[in-house]
Each structure stands twice: as structure tokens, then as C-alpha cells.
Protein backbone atom coordinates (compact mmCIF):
# COMPACT_ATOMS: atom_id res chain seq x y z
CA MET A 1 179.81 -86.33 -37.48
CA GLY A 2 183.09 -85.75 -38.41
CA LEU A 3 185.75 -86.21 -42.51
CA THR A 4 186.16 -89.69 -43.30
CA TYR A 5 188.95 -91.01 -44.89
CA GLN A 6 189.12 -94.94 -46.01
CA MET A 7 192.31 -97.40 -47.47
CA LYS A 8 192.75 -100.52 -48.81
CA MET A 9 195.41 -103.12 -48.35
CA LYS A 10 196.06 -107.25 -48.29
CA ILE A 11 196.84 -108.96 -45.04
CA PRO A 12 200.24 -110.02 -45.00
CA PHE A 13 201.50 -113.07 -44.30
CA ASP A 14 203.09 -111.62 -41.03
CA MET A 15 200.30 -110.24 -39.34
CA SER A 16 198.43 -113.43 -39.97
CA ASP A 17 198.12 -116.19 -36.76
CA MET A 18 197.36 -120.21 -36.68
CA ASN A 19 194.51 -120.10 -38.31
CA GLY A 20 194.80 -118.27 -41.24
CA HIS A 21 193.28 -115.16 -39.13
CA ILE A 22 194.78 -111.68 -39.35
CA LYS A 23 196.42 -111.21 -35.76
CA LEU A 24 193.18 -108.24 -33.95
CA PRO A 25 196.81 -106.84 -32.68
CA SER A 26 197.59 -105.95 -36.04
CA LEU A 27 194.40 -104.84 -36.91
CA ILE A 28 194.49 -101.70 -34.53
CA LEU A 29 197.66 -101.15 -35.34
CA LEU A 30 196.98 -101.34 -39.40
CA SER A 31 193.94 -99.07 -37.95
CA LEU A 32 195.70 -96.85 -36.07
CA GLN A 33 198.32 -95.87 -38.96
CA VAL A 34 194.67 -95.06 -41.50
CA SER A 35 193.82 -92.34 -38.86
CA GLY A 36 197.32 -90.94 -38.69
CA SER A 37 197.31 -90.65 -42.31
CA GLN A 38 194.47 -88.81 -42.31
CA SER A 39 195.58 -86.49 -39.59
CA ALA A 40 198.80 -86.01 -41.47
CA GLN A 41 196.80 -85.64 -44.65
CA LEU A 42 194.94 -82.83 -42.20
CA GLY A 43 197.87 -81.14 -40.98
CA VAL A 44 197.92 -82.28 -37.49
CA SER A 45 200.22 -85.30 -37.58
CA ASP A 46 201.94 -87.25 -34.40
CA LYS A 47 205.00 -84.83 -35.40
CA GLU A 48 202.69 -81.74 -35.21
CA ILE A 49 200.71 -81.23 -32.39
CA LEU A 50 204.48 -83.24 -30.20
CA GLU A 51 205.99 -80.00 -31.74
CA LYS A 52 203.54 -77.34 -31.43
CA TYR A 53 201.33 -78.39 -27.94
CA ASN A 54 204.20 -80.85 -26.17
CA LEU A 55 201.40 -83.44 -26.14
CA VAL A 56 200.73 -87.19 -27.46
CA TRP A 57 197.75 -89.05 -28.20
CA ILE A 58 196.71 -91.62 -26.09
CA ILE A 59 193.44 -95.35 -26.66
CA THR A 60 191.74 -95.04 -22.64
CA GLU A 61 189.67 -97.42 -24.07
CA TYR A 62 188.50 -99.65 -26.82
CA ASP A 63 185.12 -100.82 -27.37
CA ILE A 64 185.14 -104.19 -30.42
CA ASP A 65 182.94 -106.16 -31.78
CA VAL A 66 183.86 -108.44 -35.30
CA ILE A 67 181.84 -110.62 -37.07
CA ARG A 68 185.07 -112.14 -38.18
CA LEU A 69 188.25 -111.74 -38.75
CA PRO A 70 189.75 -111.49 -42.42
CA ARG A 71 192.26 -114.14 -43.40
CA PHE A 72 195.61 -114.10 -44.96
CA ALA A 73 195.55 -112.25 -48.49
CA GLU A 74 192.17 -111.05 -48.47
CA ASP A 75 191.51 -107.53 -49.58
CA ILE A 76 190.14 -104.89 -46.26
CA THR A 77 189.13 -100.98 -46.44
CA ILE A 78 189.74 -99.68 -43.14
CA GLU A 79 187.80 -96.63 -42.89
CA THR A 80 187.72 -94.25 -39.58
CA GLU A 81 185.99 -91.08 -38.68
CA ALA A 82 186.63 -88.91 -35.65
CA LEU A 83 182.75 -88.81 -34.47
CA SER A 84 182.82 -86.48 -31.38
CA TYR A 85 184.74 -84.53 -29.09
CA ASN A 86 184.52 -83.15 -25.10
CA ARG A 87 186.46 -81.56 -22.47
CA LEU A 88 188.48 -84.96 -21.42
CA PHE A 89 187.97 -87.30 -24.79
CA CYS A 90 187.82 -87.66 -28.32
CA TYR A 91 185.97 -90.52 -30.31
CA ARG A 92 187.26 -92.07 -33.25
CA ARG A 93 185.39 -95.58 -35.32
CA PHE A 94 187.04 -98.00 -36.60
CA THR A 95 185.58 -99.95 -39.47
CA ILE A 96 186.70 -102.92 -41.77
CA TYR A 97 185.31 -103.65 -44.43
CA ASP A 98 186.13 -107.18 -46.38
CA GLU A 99 185.98 -107.32 -50.15
CA SER A 100 182.93 -107.66 -51.20
CA GLY A 101 181.97 -104.70 -49.12
CA GLN A 102 180.88 -105.96 -45.46
CA ALA A 103 181.34 -104.52 -42.30
CA ILE A 104 183.29 -107.15 -40.34
CA ILE A 105 184.79 -105.54 -37.86
CA GLN A 106 182.89 -102.42 -35.52
CA MET A 107 186.03 -100.47 -32.86
CA LEU A 108 185.43 -97.77 -30.98
CA ALA A 109 187.69 -95.38 -29.62
CA THR A 110 188.17 -93.31 -26.93
CA PHE A 111 191.30 -91.17 -27.38
CA ALA A 112 192.72 -88.18 -25.35
CA LEU A 113 195.37 -86.24 -24.98
CA MET A 114 198.67 -86.80 -22.78
CA ASP A 115 201.46 -84.24 -22.13
CA ARG A 116 205.06 -86.12 -22.85
CA ASP A 117 206.69 -84.38 -20.31
CA SER A 118 204.13 -84.24 -17.38
CA ARG A 119 202.54 -87.91 -18.44
CA LYS A 120 198.68 -85.99 -17.55
CA VAL A 121 196.01 -85.32 -19.15
CA HIS A 122 195.71 -82.33 -21.26
CA SER A 123 192.33 -80.86 -22.00
CA VAL A 124 191.36 -81.45 -26.01
CA ASP A 125 192.77 -78.18 -27.65
CA PRO A 126 189.58 -77.55 -30.31
CA ASP A 127 192.60 -76.60 -32.88
CA ILE A 128 194.20 -79.59 -32.68
CA VAL A 129 190.47 -81.34 -33.96
CA ALA A 130 189.03 -78.49 -35.43
CA PRO A 131 190.56 -79.79 -38.17
CA TYR A 132 188.20 -83.00 -38.63
CA GLN A 133 185.22 -81.28 -38.25
CA SER A 134 183.76 -83.95 -35.39
CA GLU A 135 180.88 -82.28 -32.76
CA PHE A 136 181.45 -80.79 -29.33
CA SER A 137 179.43 -83.01 -27.12
CA LYS A 138 179.01 -82.83 -23.22
CA LYS A 139 178.22 -86.77 -23.46
CA ILE A 140 181.26 -88.98 -21.44
CA ILE A 141 180.55 -92.58 -23.52
CA ARG A 142 181.15 -94.92 -20.37
CA GLY A 143 182.78 -98.59 -21.02
CA PRO A 144 180.84 -100.84 -18.95
CA LYS A 145 182.11 -101.37 -14.89
CA TYR A 146 184.86 -103.75 -14.71
CA THR A 147 184.65 -106.12 -11.39
CA ASP A 148 187.76 -108.22 -9.53
CA LEU A 149 188.76 -111.28 -10.67
CA ASP A 150 187.85 -113.97 -7.93
CA ASN A 151 190.17 -116.45 -8.24
CA PRO A 152 192.24 -116.24 -12.21
CA THR A 153 194.86 -117.46 -14.11
CA SER A 154 197.85 -116.07 -14.59
CA LYS A 155 201.40 -115.49 -17.39
CA ASP A 156 204.19 -113.30 -16.42
CA TYR A 157 205.62 -111.77 -18.65
CA HIS A 158 208.54 -109.41 -19.38
CA VAL A 159 208.63 -105.90 -21.33
CA ARG A 160 211.27 -105.58 -23.72
CA PHE A 161 212.71 -103.03 -25.43
CA TYR A 162 210.64 -103.47 -29.15
CA ASP A 163 206.86 -103.27 -27.21
CA LEU A 164 207.96 -99.24 -26.46
CA ASP A 165 207.15 -96.40 -28.62
CA MET A 166 208.25 -93.95 -29.64
CA ASN A 167 206.66 -91.82 -26.55
CA GLY A 168 208.62 -94.77 -24.03
CA HIS A 169 205.87 -96.74 -22.81
CA VAL A 170 204.12 -100.30 -24.08
CA ASN A 171 202.07 -99.13 -27.53
CA ASN A 172 198.10 -100.30 -26.52
CA SER A 173 198.09 -103.74 -28.91
CA LYS A 174 200.72 -104.76 -26.94
CA TYR A 175 198.17 -105.40 -24.30
CA LEU A 176 195.14 -107.42 -26.28
CA ASP A 177 198.70 -109.38 -27.27
CA TRP A 178 199.32 -110.53 -23.61
CA ILE A 179 195.95 -110.60 -22.87
CA PHE A 180 195.26 -113.22 -25.85
CA GLU A 181 198.36 -114.94 -25.31
CA VAL A 182 197.67 -116.44 -21.82
CA MET A 183 194.61 -117.97 -22.97
CA GLY A 184 196.45 -120.83 -24.67
CA ALA A 185 197.22 -122.26 -28.57
CA ASP A 186 194.37 -124.33 -27.42
CA PHE A 187 192.00 -122.21 -26.72
CA LEU A 188 192.62 -119.69 -29.43
CA THR A 189 193.19 -122.24 -32.16
CA LYS A 190 188.75 -122.91 -31.67
CA TYR A 191 188.02 -119.42 -30.79
CA ILE A 192 188.30 -115.48 -31.51
CA PRO A 193 187.08 -112.50 -29.60
CA LYS A 194 183.13 -111.32 -30.86
CA LYS A 195 182.94 -108.42 -28.62
CA ILE A 196 185.86 -106.85 -26.25
CA ASN A 197 185.82 -103.77 -23.67
CA LEU A 198 189.24 -102.22 -23.51
CA LYS A 199 190.21 -100.60 -20.46
CA TYR A 200 193.37 -99.09 -19.76
CA VAL A 201 194.17 -97.18 -16.86
CA LYS A 202 197.43 -97.48 -15.50
CA GLU A 203 200.99 -97.46 -18.47
CA VAL A 204 202.86 -100.31 -18.32
CA ARG A 205 206.85 -98.20 -17.82
CA PRO A 206 209.41 -100.03 -19.35
CA GLY A 207 211.82 -103.03 -18.44
CA GLY A 208 209.72 -104.85 -15.63
CA MET A 209 207.55 -107.39 -15.57
CA ILE A 210 203.11 -107.62 -16.04
CA ALA A 211 200.72 -110.75 -15.26
CA SER A 212 198.42 -111.80 -17.65
CA ALA A 213 195.89 -112.71 -15.64
CA TYR A 214 191.99 -114.01 -16.29
CA GLU A 215 188.90 -115.47 -15.05
CA LEU A 216 187.38 -118.05 -18.31
CA LYS A 217 183.51 -118.88 -17.47
CA GLY A 218 181.80 -120.55 -20.50
CA LEU A 219 182.05 -118.08 -23.96
CA GLU A 220 182.91 -114.73 -21.37
CA SER A 221 186.54 -113.91 -19.86
CA LYS A 222 187.71 -111.47 -18.26
CA HIS A 223 190.91 -109.81 -17.57
CA GLU A 224 193.80 -107.73 -16.10
CA ILE A 225 197.31 -106.82 -16.57
CA ILE A 226 199.07 -106.36 -13.86
CA SER A 227 202.51 -104.95 -13.01
CA ASP A 228 203.99 -102.80 -9.59
CA GLY A 229 200.75 -104.49 -8.11
CA GLU A 230 198.93 -102.18 -10.30
CA ILE A 231 196.09 -102.86 -12.97
CA ASN A 232 197.41 -101.62 -16.07
CA ALA A 233 194.61 -103.00 -17.84
CA GLN A 234 191.24 -104.69 -18.04
CA ALA A 235 189.14 -106.24 -20.23
CA MET A 236 186.13 -108.34 -21.20
CA ILE A 237 185.54 -110.29 -24.07
CA THR A 238 182.65 -112.72 -25.57
CA TRP A 239 184.18 -115.63 -28.14
CA GLN A 240 182.69 -116.87 -30.82
CA GLU A 241 184.05 -120.37 -31.83
CA ILE A 242 186.06 -120.41 -35.33
CA GLU A 243 183.73 -121.35 -38.02
CA GLY A 244 184.35 -125.40 -39.20
CA ASN A 245 186.16 -126.50 -36.10
């Protein structure tokens, strides 16, 4: 178990959707800001790692459990902890607490280090992760097995300049935007995610087009983000009806 770190914040208007809930991709961005603040405080910020090692952090998988989504103007606390690491991956927990201290969202993120120039995964340097005081474990946490879509519904999206981050690839939260958007407004005004498994397979290149494809059976959906004939990301989502609908 590693050092924990918390930040309190209020859900702003521009991060809220038509239902008054925070947009989940925005919540992921806020959570990564919290982990980034912890890293900076410990002397291993993204900038320092890039300058010293020419490495950048990437996220390979998310496992997210949602009890409910925070609402506009609600005060929340985001807590994070670097749990463990092995030769290739680092595992970080995020917990979102409501005003009463109740845990309402749990996220497990799998991180890896990538060489900025070669774009290849780099082994985890113990000096980089030592400040977090997380434990070394040979165990690799594996997500679910993703299967191909049989008869998907699909919509194309253009990859815009502002979808990209400083490393020149699509920000990881943008994939969730594409995954949710294709479901349509009628569905999204009635349902929110209960469980999300998301795997990043291959980064989307800037300037092109992606296809967001999905299949929905009951309250279970499967998703693929595809560009240039290759799968970039896969997801499985269990949905829950919004209370009051």
C-alpha cells in the first residue's frame, strides 16, 4: 500500500451534463489532476520525469465502479493511492467521496511508462515509483476478456487538435467521450454507467477519423474505437437507470 493523497473540489457548471451530473470523462481528468498534484509534491512530476528520463505516463486500462455520479455544485473529495507496481505496470486507486464521506465511485487505473520518442513501453524505473511507497508485486492485474462485436452500430468522429494532449496523442478521457456519445441523448438521459471496463489498445493518431462502434443487449454494452482498420480501445459497460426516471 502506498501514500494516499486527497483534494476537495466543487463540481463546476461546465463539467455537468443535461442531467446535472458530472461528465465522467471530466471526473477522470479531475482525478488525474489529483494524482499529478501528488506526483509533483513528491518530486516526480510529469515534467521532471520527461526531462530526466524522456518518459511519459500512459494509462492502459480502467476498472470503474459507480454507485452514483456527483451533481453540479456538489462538494466531493478525490483520494488516490499508488497501490503496487511490477516490471511493466503501476496500479493506482481513485476513490470519490461525497459531502458526507460516502464512497460513491471507485476507479482502478493501470499505468505504464512510454518513451516519448520511440512510443514504446518502457520498464518501470524503481527510482520513479519509490517516492509513492507502493509495494512491488509480480502479480499482473488483468482486466476482462474482450470479444469482437457481432453487429455493431457505428458513428464516425473527426480527431480534433484539442483532443490531443502534450504528448501528441488523444487524451485518454476523450475515448470515453466517443464511447458515451454514440449511445445517443435518449439513452444517456435515462441511464448512467454502473460498471466500466476500458482497455486502451493502440493510440489514435491526430488528424484522422475514428469510428465509435457499440452493441447493446439489455443494460450491457460492448464498445470499440477503431481507426485505420485497427482497434484502438475496447470497453464493456453495465448501465443503471437514473433515479427518478
